[in-house]
Amino acid sequence: MKFTNKDLYSLLFTELSPNQARSGACQTVFKSSNGYSNQGNRFGLTLPDQRVSDVFHWIEWCGMDQISASFCERPIVRKNAKMEPISAAMLQKYIDLLYTYVRDGVALSLPDKVELVLDG
């Protein structure tokens, strides 16, 4: 799914008039001559490219539905999926990289000692 500047504008801003919008984050009123890209640029908003977005959605789909990575290679799935096709090996590689990144992040945030108390 591709997000347009209009989609982001409607998510981040409340339109006050055709040329004014209030930011939901900082409550500042911005003026615009036309279009939606100016407001997004004020926040330094950058979107991931389509391939990154597709990989995320493949991982999300397989993870949330507890489906194996080979699921993405089924002909019916490729026919009906809106994302670009991906191989099972590539999807598994990205899942492993994500797992490593999350595992390392959790390990850094936990203290050296953790106590587990079982009650009852």
PDB file of N, CA and C in Angstrom:
ATOM      1  N   MET A   1       0.843  -1.173   0.000  1.00  0.00           N
ATOM      2  CA  MET A   1       0.000   0.000   0.000  1.00  0.00           C
ATOM      3  C   MET A   1       0.889   1.238   0.000  1.00  0.00           C
ATOM      4  N   LYS A   2       0.699   2.092  -0.951  1.00  0.00           N
ATOM      5  CA  LYS A   2       1.487   3.312  -1.043  1.00  0.00           C
ATOM      6  C   LYS A   2       0.739   4.447  -0.364  1.00  0.00           C
ATOM      7  N   PHE A   3       1.453   5.197   0.470  1.00  0.00           N
ATOM      8  CA  PHE A   3       0.869   6.360   1.111  1.00  0.00           C
ATOM      9  C   PHE A   3       1.176   7.592   0.274  1.00  0.00           C
ATOM     10  N   THR A   4       0.169   8.398   0.047  1.00  0.00           N
ATOM     11  CA  THR A   4       0.361   9.647  -0.676  1.00  0.00           C
ATOM     12  C   THR A   4       0.568  10.773   0.323  1.00  0.00           C
ATOM     13  N   ASN A   5       0.999  11.923  -0.174  1.00  0.00           N
ATOM     14  CA  ASN A   5       1.148  13.084   0.699  1.00  0.00           C
ATOM     15  C   ASN A   5      -0.190  13.461   1.328  1.00  0.00           C
ATOM     16  N   LYS A   6      -1.270  13.275   0.588  1.00  0.00           N
ATOM     17  CA  LYS A   6      -2.601  13.591   1.123  1.00  0.00           C
ATOM     18  C   LYS A   6      -2.947  12.674   2.295  1.00  0.00           C
ATOM     19  N   ASP A   7      -2.598  11.391   2.197  1.00  0.00           N
ATOM     20  CA  ASP A   7      -2.851  10.446   3.294  1.00  0.00           C
ATOM     21  C   ASP A   7      -2.114  10.880   4.555  1.00  0.00           C
ATOM     22  N   LEU A   8      -0.847  11.229   4.399  1.00  0.00           N
ATOM     23  CA  LEU A   8      -0.049  11.657   5.549  1.00  0.00           C
ATOM     24  C   LEU A   8      -0.565  12.969   6.120  1.00  0.00           C
ATOM     25  N   TYR A   9      -0.960  13.871   5.243  1.00  0.00           N
ATOM     26  CA  TYR A   9      -1.506  15.157   5.670  1.00  0.00           C
ATOM     27  C   TYR A   9      -2.753  14.940   6.527  1.00  0.00           C
ATOM     28  N   SER A  10      -3.645  14.066   6.074  1.00  0.00           N
ATOM     29  CA  SER A  10      -4.880  13.832   6.827  1.00  0.00           C
ATOM     30  C   SER A  10      -4.614  13.138   8.158  1.00  0.00           C
ATOM     31  N   LEU A  11      -3.532  12.397   8.257  1.00  0.00           N
ATOM     32  CA  LEU A  11      -3.173  11.723   9.495  1.00  0.00           C
ATOM     33  C   LEU A  11      -2.511  12.670  10.490  1.00  0.00           C
ATOM     34  N   LEU A  12      -1.653  13.559  10.019  1.00  0.00           N
ATOM     35  CA  LEU A  12      -0.841  14.402  10.895  1.00  0.00           C
ATOM     36  C   LEU A  12      -1.414  15.786  11.165  1.00  0.00           C
ATOM     37  N   PHE A  13      -2.355  16.248  10.338  1.00  0.00           N
ATOM     38  CA  PHE A  13      -2.841  17.616  10.454  1.00  0.00           C
ATOM     39  C   PHE A  13      -4.358  17.666  10.519  1.00  0.00           C
ATOM     40  N   THR A  14      -4.870  18.718  11.169  1.00  0.00           N
ATOM     41  CA  THR A  14      -6.293  19.023  11.170  1.00  0.00           C
ATOM     42  C   THR A  14      -6.474  20.261  10.308  1.00  0.00           C
ATOM     43  N   GLU A  15      -7.280  20.155   9.272  1.00  0.00           N
ATOM     44  CA  GLU A  15      -7.452  21.283   8.365  1.00  0.00           C
ATOM     45  C   GLU A  15      -8.377  22.312   8.999  1.00  0.00           C
ATOM     46  N   LEU A  16      -7.898  23.549   9.096  1.00  0.00           N
ATOM     47  CA  LEU A  16      -8.675  24.648   9.658  1.00  0.00           C
ATOM     48  C   LEU A  16      -9.402  25.406   8.560  1.00  0.00           C
ATOM     49  N   SER A  17      -8.750  25.617   7.458  1.00  0.00           N
ATOM     50  CA  SER A  17      -9.319  26.256   6.271  1.00  0.00           C
ATOM     51  C   SER A  17      -8.560  25.683   5.077  1.00  0.00           C
ATOM     52  N   PRO A  18      -8.950  26.037   3.850  1.00  0.00           N
ATOM     53  CA  PRO A  18      -8.243  25.456   2.701  1.00  0.00           C
ATOM     54  C   PRO A  18      -6.733  25.713   2.685  1.00  0.00           C
ATOM     55  N   ASN A  19      -6.275  26.787   3.320  1.00  0.00           N
ATOM     56  CA  ASN A  19      -4.842  27.094   3.289  1.00  0.00           C
ATOM     57  C   ASN A  19      -4.176  27.021   4.651  1.00  0.00           C
ATOM     58  N   GLN A  20      -4.871  26.526   5.665  1.00  0.00           N
ATOM     59  CA  GLN A  20      -4.298  26.440   7.006  1.00  0.00           C
ATOM     60  C   GLN A  20      -4.570  25.065   7.605  1.00  0.00           C
ATOM     61  N   ALA A  21      -3.581  24.581   8.337  1.00  0.00           N
ATOM     62  CA  ALA A  21      -3.724  23.287   9.004  1.00  0.00           C
ATOM     63  C   ALA A  21      -2.991  23.335  10.330  1.00  0.00           C
ATOM     64  N   ARG A  22      -3.528  22.620  11.321  1.00  0.00           N
ATOM     65  CA  ARG A  22      -2.899  22.549  12.639  1.00  0.00           C
ATOM     66  C   ARG A  22      -2.243  21.186  12.790  1.00  0.00           C
ATOM     67  N   SER A  23      -1.005  21.213  13.244  1.00  0.00           N
ATOM     68  CA  SER A  23      -0.259  19.982  13.481  1.00  0.00           C
ATOM     69  C   SER A  23      -0.832  19.268  14.695  1.00  0.00           C
ATOM     70  N   GLY A  24      -1.003  17.965  14.589  1.00  0.00           N
ATOM     71  CA  GLY A  24      -1.462  17.179  15.729  1.00  0.00           C
ATOM     72  C   GLY A  24      -0.371  16.972  16.763  1.00  0.00           C
ATOM     73  N   ALA A  25       0.881  17.114  16.357  1.00  0.00           N
ATOM     74  CA  ALA A  25       2.003  16.876  17.264  1.00  0.00           C
ATOM     75  C   ALA A  25       2.336  18.092  18.108  1.00  0.00           C
ATOM     76  N   CYS A  26       2.442  19.267  17.468  1.00  0.00           N
ATOM     77  CA  CYS A  26       2.896  20.446  18.212  1.00  0.00           C
ATOM     78  C   CYS A  26       1.855  21.555  18.271  1.00  0.00           C
ATOM     79  N   GLN A  27       0.686  21.335  17.701  1.00  0.00           N
ATOM     80  CA  GLN A  27      -0.423  22.296  17.709  1.00  0.00           C
ATOM     81  C   GLN A  27      -0.094  23.602  16.996  1.00  0.00           C
ATOM     82  N   THR A  28       0.944  23.642  16.192  1.00  0.00           N
ATOM     83  CA  THR A  28       1.307  24.830  15.428  1.00  0.00           C
ATOM     84  C   THR A  28       0.437  24.906  14.185  1.00  0.00           C
ATOM     85  N   VAL A  29       0.020  26.121  13.834  1.00  0.00           N
ATOM     86  CA  VAL A  29      -0.775  26.321  12.629  1.00  0.00           C
ATOM     87  C   VAL A  29       0.169  26.626  11.473  1.00  0.00           C
ATOM     88  N   PHE A  30       0.060  25.850  10.409  1.00  0.00           N
ATOM     89  CA  PHE A  30       0.885  26.032   9.223  1.00  0.00           C
ATOM     90  C   PHE A  30       0.028  26.556   8.088  1.00  0.00           C
ATOM     91  N   LYS A  31       0.630  27.397   7.249  1.00  0.00           N
ATOM     92  CA  LYS A  31      -0.047  27.923   6.069  1.00  0.00           C
ATOM     93  C   LYS A  31       0.569  27.273   4.840  1.00  0.00           C
ATOM     94  N   SER A  32      -0.270  27.011   3.855  1.00  0.00           N
ATOM     95  CA  SER A  32       0.203  26.380   2.633  1.00  0.00           C
ATOM     96  C   SER A  32      -0.485  27.033   1.449  1.00  0.00           C
ATOM     97  N   SER A  33       0.267  27.260   0.378  1.00  0.00           N
ATOM     98  CA  SER A  33      -0.345  27.842  -0.810  1.00  0.00           C
ATOM     99  C   SER A  33      -1.190  26.796  -1.533  1.00  0.00           C
ATOM    100  N   ASN A  34      -0.655  25.609  -1.708  1.00  0.00           N
ATOM    101  CA  ASN A  34      -1.413  24.503  -2.293  1.00  0.00           C
ATOM    102  C   ASN A  34      -0.629  23.209  -2.103  1.00  0.00           C
ATOM    103  N   GLY A  35      -1.301  22.122  -2.182  1.00  0.00           N
ATOM    104  CA  GLY A  35      -0.646  20.826  -2.064  1.00  0.00           C
ATOM    105  C   GLY A  35      -0.435  20.394  -0.624  1.00  0.00           C
ATOM    106  N   TYR A  36       0.143  19.194  -0.472  1.00  0.00           N
ATOM    107  CA  TYR A  36       0.294  18.584   0.844  1.00  0.00           C
ATOM    108  C   TYR A  36       1.743  18.347   1.235  1.00  0.00           C
ATOM    109  N   SER A  37       2.659  18.429   0.293  1.00  0.00           N
ATOM    110  CA  SER A  37       4.037  18.041   0.593  1.00  0.00           C
ATOM    111  C   SER A  37       4.745  19.019   1.516  1.00  0.00           C
ATOM    112  N   ASN A  38       4.362  20.285   1.510  1.00  0.00           N
ATOM    113  CA  ASN A  38       5.042  21.276   2.334  1.00  0.00           C
ATOM    114  C   ASN A  38       4.932  20.931   3.820  1.00  0.00           C
ATOM    115  N   GLN A  39       3.755  20.522   4.281  1.00  0.00           N
ATOM    116  CA  GLN A  39       3.589  20.192   5.696  1.00  0.00           C
ATOM    117  C   GLN A  39       4.425  18.985   6.085  1.00  0.00           C
ATOM    118  N   GLY A  40       4.460  17.978   5.256  1.00  0.00           N
ATOM    119  CA  GLY A  40       5.275  16.805   5.552  1.00  0.00           C
ATOM    120  C   GLY A  40       6.749  17.142   5.606  1.00  0.00           C
ATOM    121  N   ASN A  41       7.185  18.056   4.753  1.00  0.00           N
ATOM    122  CA  ASN A  41       8.595  18.453   4.736  1.00  0.00           C
ATOM    123  C   ASN A  41       8.986  19.199   6.000  1.00  0.00           C
ATOM    124  N   ARG A  42       8.048  19.869   6.638  1.00  0.00           N
ATOM    125  CA  ARG A  42       8.351  20.608   7.864  1.00  0.00           C
ATOM    126  C   ARG A  42       8.814  19.668   8.973  1.00  0.00           C
ATOM    127  N   PHE A  43       8.320  18.452   8.973  1.00  0.00           N
ATOM    128  CA  PHE A  43       8.698  17.481   9.993  1.00  0.00           C
ATOM    129  C   PHE A  43       9.904  16.651   9.577  1.00  0.00           C
ATOM    130  N   GLY A  44      10.433  16.898   8.394  1.00  0.00           N
ATOM    131  CA  GLY A  44      11.535  16.072   7.902  1.00  0.00           C
ATOM    132  C   GLY A  44      11.055  14.655   7.653  1.00  0.00           C
ATOM    133  N   LEU A  45       9.809  14.531   7.249  1.00  0.00           N
ATOM    134  CA  LEU A  45       9.173  13.239   7.082  1.00  0.00           C
ATOM    135  C   LEU A  45       9.745  12.514   5.872  1.00  0.00           C
ATOM    136  N   THR A  46      10.264  11.336   6.101  1.00  0.00           N
ATOM    137  CA  THR A  46      10.732  10.506   5.005  1.00  0.00           C
ATOM    138  C   THR A  46      10.052   9.151   5.115  1.00  0.00           C
ATOM    139  N   LEU A  47       9.645   8.642   4.004  1.00  0.00           N
ATOM    140  CA  LEU A  47       8.951   7.359   3.972  1.00  0.00           C
ATOM    141  C   LEU A  47       9.882   6.288   3.428  1.00  0.00           C
ATOM    142  N   PRO A  48       9.721   5.061   3.901  1.00  0.00           N
ATOM    143  CA  PRO A  48      10.542   3.988   3.338  1.00  0.00           C
ATOM    144  C   PRO A  48      10.145   3.747   1.887  1.00  0.00           C
ATOM    145  N   ASP A  49      11.084   3.242   1.115  1.00  0.00           N
ATOM    146  CA  ASP A  49      10.742   2.954  -0.267  1.00  0.00           C
ATOM    147  C   ASP A  49       9.763   1.781  -0.315  1.00  0.00           C
ATOM    148  N   GLN A  50       9.208   1.547  -1.473  1.00  0.00           N
ATOM    149  CA  GLN A  50       8.153   0.551  -1.619  1.00  0.00           C
ATOM    150  C   GLN A  50       8.646  -0.849  -1.268  1.00  0.00           C
ATOM    151  N   ARG A  51       9.885  -1.182  -1.604  1.00  0.00           N
ATOM    152  CA  ARG A  51      10.416  -2.526  -1.322  1.00  0.00           C
ATOM    153  C   ARG A  51      10.488  -2.776   0.180  1.00  0.00           C
ATOM    154  N   VAL A  52      10.959  -1.785   0.941  1.00  0.00           N
ATOM    155  CA  VAL A  52      11.035  -1.922   2.399  1.00  0.00           C
ATOM    156  C   VAL A  52       9.635  -2.108   2.974  1.00  0.00           C
ATOM    157  N   SER A  53       8.696  -1.343   2.463  1.00  0.00           N
ATOM    158  CA  SER A  53       7.314  -1.456   2.921  1.00  0.00           C
ATOM    159  C   SER A  53       6.746  -2.844   2.609  1.00  0.00           C
ATOM    160  N   ASP A  54       7.033  -3.351   1.415  1.00  0.00           N
ATOM    161  CA  ASP A  54       6.546  -4.682   1.042  1.00  0.00           C
ATOM    162  C   ASP A  54       7.136  -5.768   1.933  1.00  0.00           C
ATOM    163  N   VAL A  55       8.435  -5.699   2.205  1.00  0.00           N
ATOM    164  CA  VAL A  55       9.077  -6.691   3.078  1.00  0.00           C
ATOM    165  C   VAL A  55       8.440  -6.651   4.458  1.00  0.00           C
ATOM    166  N   PHE A  56       8.207  -5.451   4.977  1.00  0.00           N
ATOM    167  CA  PHE A  56       7.549  -5.324   6.282  1.00  0.00           C
ATOM    168  C   PHE A  56       6.185  -6.006   6.269  1.00  0.00           C
ATOM    169  N   HIS A  57       5.407  -5.765   5.224  1.00  0.00           N
ATOM    170  CA  HIS A  57       4.062  -6.352   5.167  1.00  0.00           C
ATOM    171  C   HIS A  57       4.108  -7.871   5.018  1.00  0.00           C
ATOM    172  N   TRP A  58       5.096  -8.418   4.295  1.00  0.00           N
ATOM    173  CA  TRP A  58       5.246  -9.870   4.215  1.00  0.00           C
ATOM    174  C   TRP A  58       5.566 -10.454   5.594  1.00  0.00           C
ATOM    175  N   ILE A  59       6.503  -9.806   6.309  1.00  0.00           N
ATOM    176  CA  ILE A  59       6.863 -10.285   7.651  1.00  0.00           C
ATOM    177  C   ILE A  59       5.663 -10.181   8.583  1.00  0.00           C
ATOM    178  N   GLU A  60       4.957  -9.070   8.501  1.00  0.00           N
ATOM    179  CA  GLU A  60       3.774  -8.876   9.348  1.00  0.00           C
ATOM    180  C   GLU A  60       2.728  -9.954   9.070  1.00  0.00           C
ATOM    181  N   TRP A  61       2.462 -10.230   7.812  1.00  0.00           N
ATOM    182  CA  TRP A  61       1.453 -11.213   7.431  1.00  0.00           C
ATOM    183  C   TRP A  61       1.840 -12.596   7.947  1.00  0.00           C
ATOM    184  N   CYS A  62       3.073 -13.010   7.699  1.00  0.00           N
ATOM    185  CA  CYS A  62       3.519 -14.333   8.145  1.00  0.00           C
ATOM    186  C   CYS A  62       3.574 -14.423   9.667  1.00  0.00           C
ATOM    187  N   GLY A  63       4.014 -13.362  10.303  1.00  0.00           N
ATOM    188  CA  GLY A  63       4.130 -13.375  11.762  1.00  0.00           C
ATOM    189  C   GLY A  63       2.790 -13.361  12.472  1.00  0.00           C
ATOM    190  N   MET A  64       1.895 -12.497  12.041  1.00  0.00           N
ATOM    191  CA  MET A  64       0.607 -12.365  12.726  1.00  0.00           C
ATOM    192  C   MET A  64      -0.282 -13.589  12.511  1.00  0.00           C
ATOM    193  N   ASP A  65      -0.178 -14.211  11.351  1.00  0.00           N
ATOM    194  CA  ASP A  65      -0.991 -15.399  11.076  1.00  0.00           C
ATOM    195  C   ASP A  65      -0.244 -16.695  11.354  1.00  0.00           C
ATOM    196  N   GLN A  66       0.968 -16.603  11.888  1.00  0.00           N
ATOM    197  CA  GLN A  66       1.799 -17.761  12.227  1.00  0.00           C
ATOM    198  C   GLN A  66       1.933 -18.719  11.041  1.00  0.00           C
ATOM    199  N   ILE A  67       2.381 -18.154   9.937  1.00  0.00           N
ATOM    200  CA  ILE A  67       2.532 -18.894   8.688  1.00  0.00           C
ATOM    201  C   ILE A  67       4.023 -19.025   8.388  1.00  0.00           C
ATOM    202  N   SER A  68       4.426 -20.133   7.788  1.00  0.00           N
ATOM    203  CA  SER A  68       5.841 -20.314   7.448  1.00  0.00           C
ATOM    204  C   SER A  68       6.241 -19.353   6.326  1.00  0.00           C
ATOM    205  N   ALA A  69       7.531 -19.137   6.201  1.00  0.00           N
ATOM    206  CA  ALA A  69       8.039 -18.202   5.190  1.00  0.00           C
ATOM    207  C   ALA A  69       7.753 -18.685   3.772  1.00  0.00           C
ATOM    208  N   SER A  70       7.601 -19.987   3.571  1.00  0.00           N
ATOM    209  CA  SER A  70       7.327 -20.507   2.229  1.00  0.00           C
ATOM    210  C   SER A  70       5.925 -20.139   1.742  1.00  0.00           C
ATOM    211  N   PHE A  71       5.106 -19.643   2.627  1.00  0.00           N
ATOM    212  CA  PHE A  71       3.754 -19.196   2.286  1.00  0.00           C
ATOM    213  C   PHE A  71       3.780 -18.188   1.136  1.00  0.00           C
ATOM    214  N   CYS A  72       4.788 -17.329   1.123  1.00  0.00           N
ATOM    215  CA  CYS A  72       4.841 -16.259   0.122  1.00  0.00           C
ATOM    216  C   CYS A  72       5.086 -16.776  -1.288  1.00  0.00           C
ATOM    217  N   GLU A  73       5.477 -18.048  -1.437  1.00  0.00           N
ATOM    218  CA  GLU A  73       5.760 -18.594  -2.763  1.00  0.00           C
ATOM    219  C   GLU A  73       4.575 -19.354  -3.362  1.00  0.00           C
ATOM    220  N   ARG A  74       3.494 -19.468  -2.636  1.00  0.00           N
ATOM    221  CA  ARG A  74       2.316 -20.155  -3.174  1.00  0.00           C
ATOM    222  C   ARG A  74       1.718 -19.335  -4.320  1.00  0.00           C
ATOM    223  N   PRO A  75       1.332 -19.996  -5.404  1.00  0.00           N
ATOM    224  CA  PRO A  75       0.794 -19.264  -6.562  1.00  0.00           C
ATOM    225  C   PRO A  75      -0.447 -18.428  -6.230  1.00  0.00           C
ATOM    226  N   ILE A  76      -1.340 -18.952  -5.429  1.00  0.00           N
ATOM    227  CA  ILE A  76      -2.566 -18.215  -5.104  1.00  0.00           C
ATOM    228  C   ILE A  76      -2.253 -16.978  -4.261  1.00  0.00           C
ATOM    229  N   VAL A  77      -1.243 -17.088  -3.420  1.00  0.00           N
ATOM    230  CA  VAL A  77      -0.838 -15.939  -2.598  1.00  0.00           C
ATOM    231  C   VAL A  77      -0.217 -14.871  -3.488  1.00  0.00           C
ATOM    232  N   ARG A  78       0.659 -15.282  -4.384  1.00  0.00           N
ATOM    233  CA  ARG A  78       1.290 -14.312  -5.296  1.00  0.00           C
ATOM    234  C   ARG A  78       0.255 -13.639  -6.181  1.00  0.00           C
ATOM    235  N   LYS A  79      -0.756 -14.391  -6.558  1.00  0.00           N
ATOM    236  CA  LYS A  79      -1.799 -13.837  -7.419  1.00  0.00           C
ATOM    237  C   LYS A  79      -2.619 -12.782  -6.681  1.00  0.00           C
ATOM    238  N   ASN A  80      -2.909 -13.005  -5.415  1.00  0.00           N
ATOM    239  CA  ASN A  80      -3.821 -12.138  -4.677  1.00  0.00           C
ATOM    240  C   ASN A  80      -3.139 -11.097  -3.790  1.00  0.00           C
ATOM    241  N   ALA A  81      -1.845 -11.211  -3.590  1.00  0.00           N
ATOM    242  CA  ALA A  81      -1.144 -10.251  -2.729  1.00  0.00           C
ATOM    243  C   ALA A  81      -0.888  -8.953  -3.490  1.00  0.00           C
ATOM    244  N   LYS A  82      -1.025  -7.844  -2.784  1.00  0.00           N
ATOM    245  CA  LYS A  82      -0.766  -6.542  -3.402  1.00  0.00           C
ATOM    246  C   LYS A  82       0.715  -6.182  -3.354  1.00  0.00           C
ATOM    247  N   MET A  83       1.478  -6.894  -2.522  1.00  0.00           N
ATOM    248  CA  MET A  83       2.902  -6.618  -2.412  1.00  0.00           C
ATOM    249  C   MET A  83       3.659  -7.289  -3.558  1.00  0.00           C
ATOM    250  N   GLU A  84       4.859  -6.785  -3.816  1.00  0.00           N
ATOM    251  CA  GLU A  84       5.727  -7.414  -4.810  1.00  0.00           C
ATOM    252  C   GLU A  84       6.107  -8.808  -4.317  1.00  0.00           C
ATOM    253  N   PRO A  85       6.252  -9.780  -5.205  1.00  0.00           N
ATOM    254  CA  PRO A  85       6.636 -11.131  -4.782  1.00  0.00           C
ATOM    255  C   PRO A  85       8.004 -11.138  -4.102  1.00  0.00           C
ATOM    256  N   ILE A  86       8.170 -12.091  -3.201  1.00  0.00           N
ATOM    257  CA  ILE A  86       9.434 -12.261  -2.488  1.00  0.00           C
ATOM    258  C   ILE A  86       9.667 -13.760  -2.340  1.00  0.00           C
ATOM    259  N   SER A  87      10.913 -14.191  -2.366  1.00  0.00           N
ATOM    260  CA  SER A  87      11.201 -15.617  -2.201  1.00  0.00           C
ATOM    261  C   SER A  87      11.178 -15.973  -0.718  1.00  0.00           C
ATOM    262  N   ALA A  88      10.950 -17.240  -0.438  1.00  0.00           N
ATOM    263  CA  ALA A  88      10.921 -17.706   0.954  1.00  0.00           C
ATOM    264  C   ALA A  88      12.284 -17.511   1.610  1.00  0.00           C
ATOM    265  N   ALA A  89      13.359 -17.745   0.859  1.00  0.00           N
ATOM    266  CA  ALA A  89      14.708 -17.580   1.418  1.00  0.00           C
ATOM    267  C   ALA A  89      14.973 -16.120   1.791  1.00  0.00           C
ATOM    268  N   MET A  90      14.556 -15.199   0.936  1.00  0.00           N
ATOM    269  CA  MET A  90      14.765 -13.779   1.215  1.00  0.00           C
ATOM    270  C   MET A  90      13.901 -13.338   2.397  1.00  0.00           C
ATOM    271  N   LEU A  91      12.670 -13.802   2.449  1.00  0.00           N
ATOM    272  CA  LEU A  91      11.792 -13.459   3.569  1.00  0.00           C
ATOM    273  C   LEU A  91      12.365 -14.001   4.874  1.00  0.00           C
ATOM    274  N   GLN A  92      12.870 -15.235   4.851  1.00  0.00           N
ATOM    275  CA  GLN A  92      13.469 -15.816   6.054  1.00  0.00           C
ATOM    276  C   GLN A  92      14.701 -15.030   6.479  1.00  0.00           C
ATOM    277  N   LYS A  93      15.480 -14.560   5.513  1.00  0.00           N
ATOM    278  CA  LYS A  93      16.657 -13.744   5.823  1.00  0.00           C
ATOM    279  C   LYS A  93      16.239 -12.474   6.563  1.00  0.00           C
ATOM    280  N   TYR A  94      15.199 -11.801   6.071  1.00  0.00           N
ATOM    281  CA  TYR A  94      14.741 -10.567   6.713  1.00  0.00           C
ATOM    282  C   TYR A  94      14.132 -10.839   8.089  1.00  0.00           C
ATOM    283  N   ILE A  95      13.446 -11.954   8.236  1.00  0.00           N
ATOM    284  CA  ILE A  95      12.895 -12.321   9.546  1.00  0.00           C
ATOM    285  C   ILE A  95      14.033 -12.562  10.537  1.00  0.00           C
ATOM    286  N   ASP A  96      15.078 -13.270  10.098  1.00  0.00           N
ATOM    287  CA  ASP A  96      16.235 -13.523  10.969  1.00  0.00           C
ATOM    288  C   ASP A  96      16.942 -12.225  11.359  1.00  0.00           C
ATOM    289  N   LEU A  97      17.097 -11.310  10.403  1.00  0.00           N
ATOM    290  CA  LEU A  97      17.721 -10.019  10.706  1.00  0.00           C
ATOM    291  C   LEU A  97      16.886  -9.225  11.708  1.00  0.00           C
ATOM    292  N   LEU A  98      15.576  -9.246  11.529  1.00  0.00           N
ATOM    293  CA  LEU A  98      14.688  -8.543  12.456  1.00  0.00           C
ATOM    294  C   LEU A  98      14.764  -9.166  13.842  1.00  0.00           C
ATOM    295  N   TYR A  99      14.781 -10.489  13.904  1.00  0.00           N
ATOM    296  CA  TYR A  99      14.898 -11.191  15.180  1.00  0.00           C
ATOM    297  C   TYR A  99      16.185 -10.794  15.903  1.00  0.00           C
ATOM    298  N   THR A 100      17.301 -10.782  15.168  1.00  0.00           N
ATOM    299  CA  THR A 100      18.590 -10.418  15.765  1.00  0.00           C
ATOM    300  C   THR A 100      18.567  -8.986  16.278  1.00  0.00           C
ATOM    301  N   TYR A 101      18.007  -8.090  15.507  1.00  0.00           N
ATOM    302  CA  TYR A 101      17.932  -6.676  15.899  1.00  0.00           C
ATOM    303  C   TYR A 101      17.100  -6.502  17.171  1.00  0.00           C
ATOM    304  N   VAL A 102      15.944  -7.153  17.220  1.00  0.00           N
ATOM    305  CA  VAL A 102      15.069  -7.044  18.399  1.00  0.00           C
ATOM    306  C   VAL A 102      15.715  -7.714  19.603  1.00  0.00           C
ATOM    307  N   ARG A 103      16.290  -8.897  19.416  1.00  0.00           N
ATOM    308  CA  ARG A 103      16.945  -9.608  20.515  1.00  0.00           C
ATOM    309  C   ARG A 103      18.059  -8.770  21.129  1.00  0.00           C
ATOM    310  N   ASP A 104      18.892  -8.172  20.288  1.00  0.00           N
ATOM    311  CA  ASP A 104      19.991  -7.343  20.784  1.00  0.00           C
ATOM    312  C   ASP A 104      19.477  -6.092  21.482  1.00  0.00           C
ATOM    313  N   GLY A 105      18.404  -5.509  20.961  1.00  0.00           N
ATOM    314  CA  GLY A 105      17.814  -4.330  21.600  1.00  0.00           C
ATOM    315  C   GLY A 105      17.240  -4.644  22.965  1.00  0.00           C
ATOM    316  N   VAL A 106      16.579  -5.784  23.086  1.00  0.00           N
ATOM    317  CA  VAL A 106      16.024  -6.198  24.377  1.00  0.00           C
ATOM    318  C   VAL A 106      17.151  -6.515  25.346  1.00  0.00           C
ATOM    319  N   ALA A 107      18.185  -7.185  24.882  1.00  0.00           N
ATOM    320  CA  ALA A 107      19.321  -7.526  25.748  1.00  0.00           C
ATOM    321  C   ALA A 107      20.000  -6.272  26.291  1.00  0.00           C
ATOM    322  N   LEU A 108      20.091  -5.234  25.491  1.00  0.00           N
ATOM    323  CA  LEU A 108      20.703  -3.980  25.949  1.00  0.00           C
ATOM    324  C   LEU A 108      19.833  -3.252  26.970  1.00  0.00           C
ATOM    325  N   SER A 109      18.527  -3.394  26.843  1.00  0.00           N
ATOM    326  CA  SER A 109      17.634  -2.655  27.742  1.00  0.00           C
ATOM    327  C   SER A 109      17.400  -3.372  29.070  1.00  0.00           C
ATOM    328  N   LEU A 110      17.677  -4.667  29.139  1.00  0.00           N
ATOM    329  CA  LEU A 110      17.481  -5.407  30.384  1.00  0.00           C
ATOM    330  C   LEU A 110      18.696  -5.246  31.303  1.00  0.00           C
ATOM    331  N   PRO A 111      18.472  -5.298  32.609  1.00  0.00           N
ATOM    332  CA  PRO A 111      19.614  -5.262  33.526  1.00  0.00           C
ATOM    333  C   PRO A 111      20.399  -6.573  33.445  1.00  0.00           C
ATOM    334  N   ASP A 112      21.589  -6.575  34.070  1.00  0.00           N
ATOM    335  CA  ASP A 112      22.431  -7.772  34.032  1.00  0.00           C
ATOM    336  C   ASP A 112      21.778  -8.950  34.741  1.00  0.00           C
ATOM    337  N   LYS A 113      21.062  -8.671  35.831  1.00  0.00           N
ATOM    338  CA  LYS A 113      20.384  -9.725  36.580  1.00  0.00           C
ATOM    339  C   LYS A 113      18.882  -9.518  36.495  1.00  0.00           C
ATOM    340  N   VAL A 114      18.176 -10.604  36.278  1.00  0.00           N
ATOM    341  CA  VAL A 114      16.720 -10.578  36.248  1.00  0.00           C
ATOM    342  C   VAL A 114      16.233 -11.655  37.200  1.00  0.00           C
ATOM    343  N   GLU A 115      15.312 -11.293  38.070  1.00  0.00           N
ATOM    344  CA  GLU A 115      14.752 -12.264  39.006  1.00  0.00           C
ATOM    345  C   GLU A 115      13.336 -12.600  38.578  1.00  0.00           C
ATOM    346  N   LEU A 116      13.015 -13.868  38.654  1.00  0.00           N
ATOM    347  CA  LEU A 116      11.697 -14.337  38.285  1.00  0.00           C
ATOM    348  C   LEU A 116      11.008 -14.847  39.539  1.00  0.00           C
ATOM    349  N   VAL A 117       9.832 -14.311  39.825  1.00  0.00           N
ATOM    350  CA  VAL A 117       9.079 -14.718  41.008  1.00  0.00           C
ATOM    351  C   VAL A 117       7.795 -15.378  40.537  1.00  0.00           C
ATOM    352  N   LEU A 118       7.591 -16.615  40.956  1.00  0.00           N
ATOM    353  CA  LEU A 118       6.367 -17.338  40.638  1.00  0.00           C
ATOM    354  C   LEU A 118       5.488 -17.354  41.878  1.00  0.00           C
ATOM    355  N   ASP A 119       4.278 -16.912  41.731  1.00  0.00           N
ATOM    356  CA  ASP A 119       3.371 -16.817  42.867  1.00  0.00           C
ATOM    357  C   ASP A 119       2.205 -17.776  42.666  1.00  0.00           C
ATOM    358  N   GLY A 120       2.044 -18.687  43.600  1.00  0.00           N
ATOM    359  CA  GLY A 120       0.853 -19.483  43.671  1.00  0.00           C
ATOM    360  C   GLY A 120       0.804 -20.712  42.936  1.00  0.00           C
TER     361      GLY A 120
END
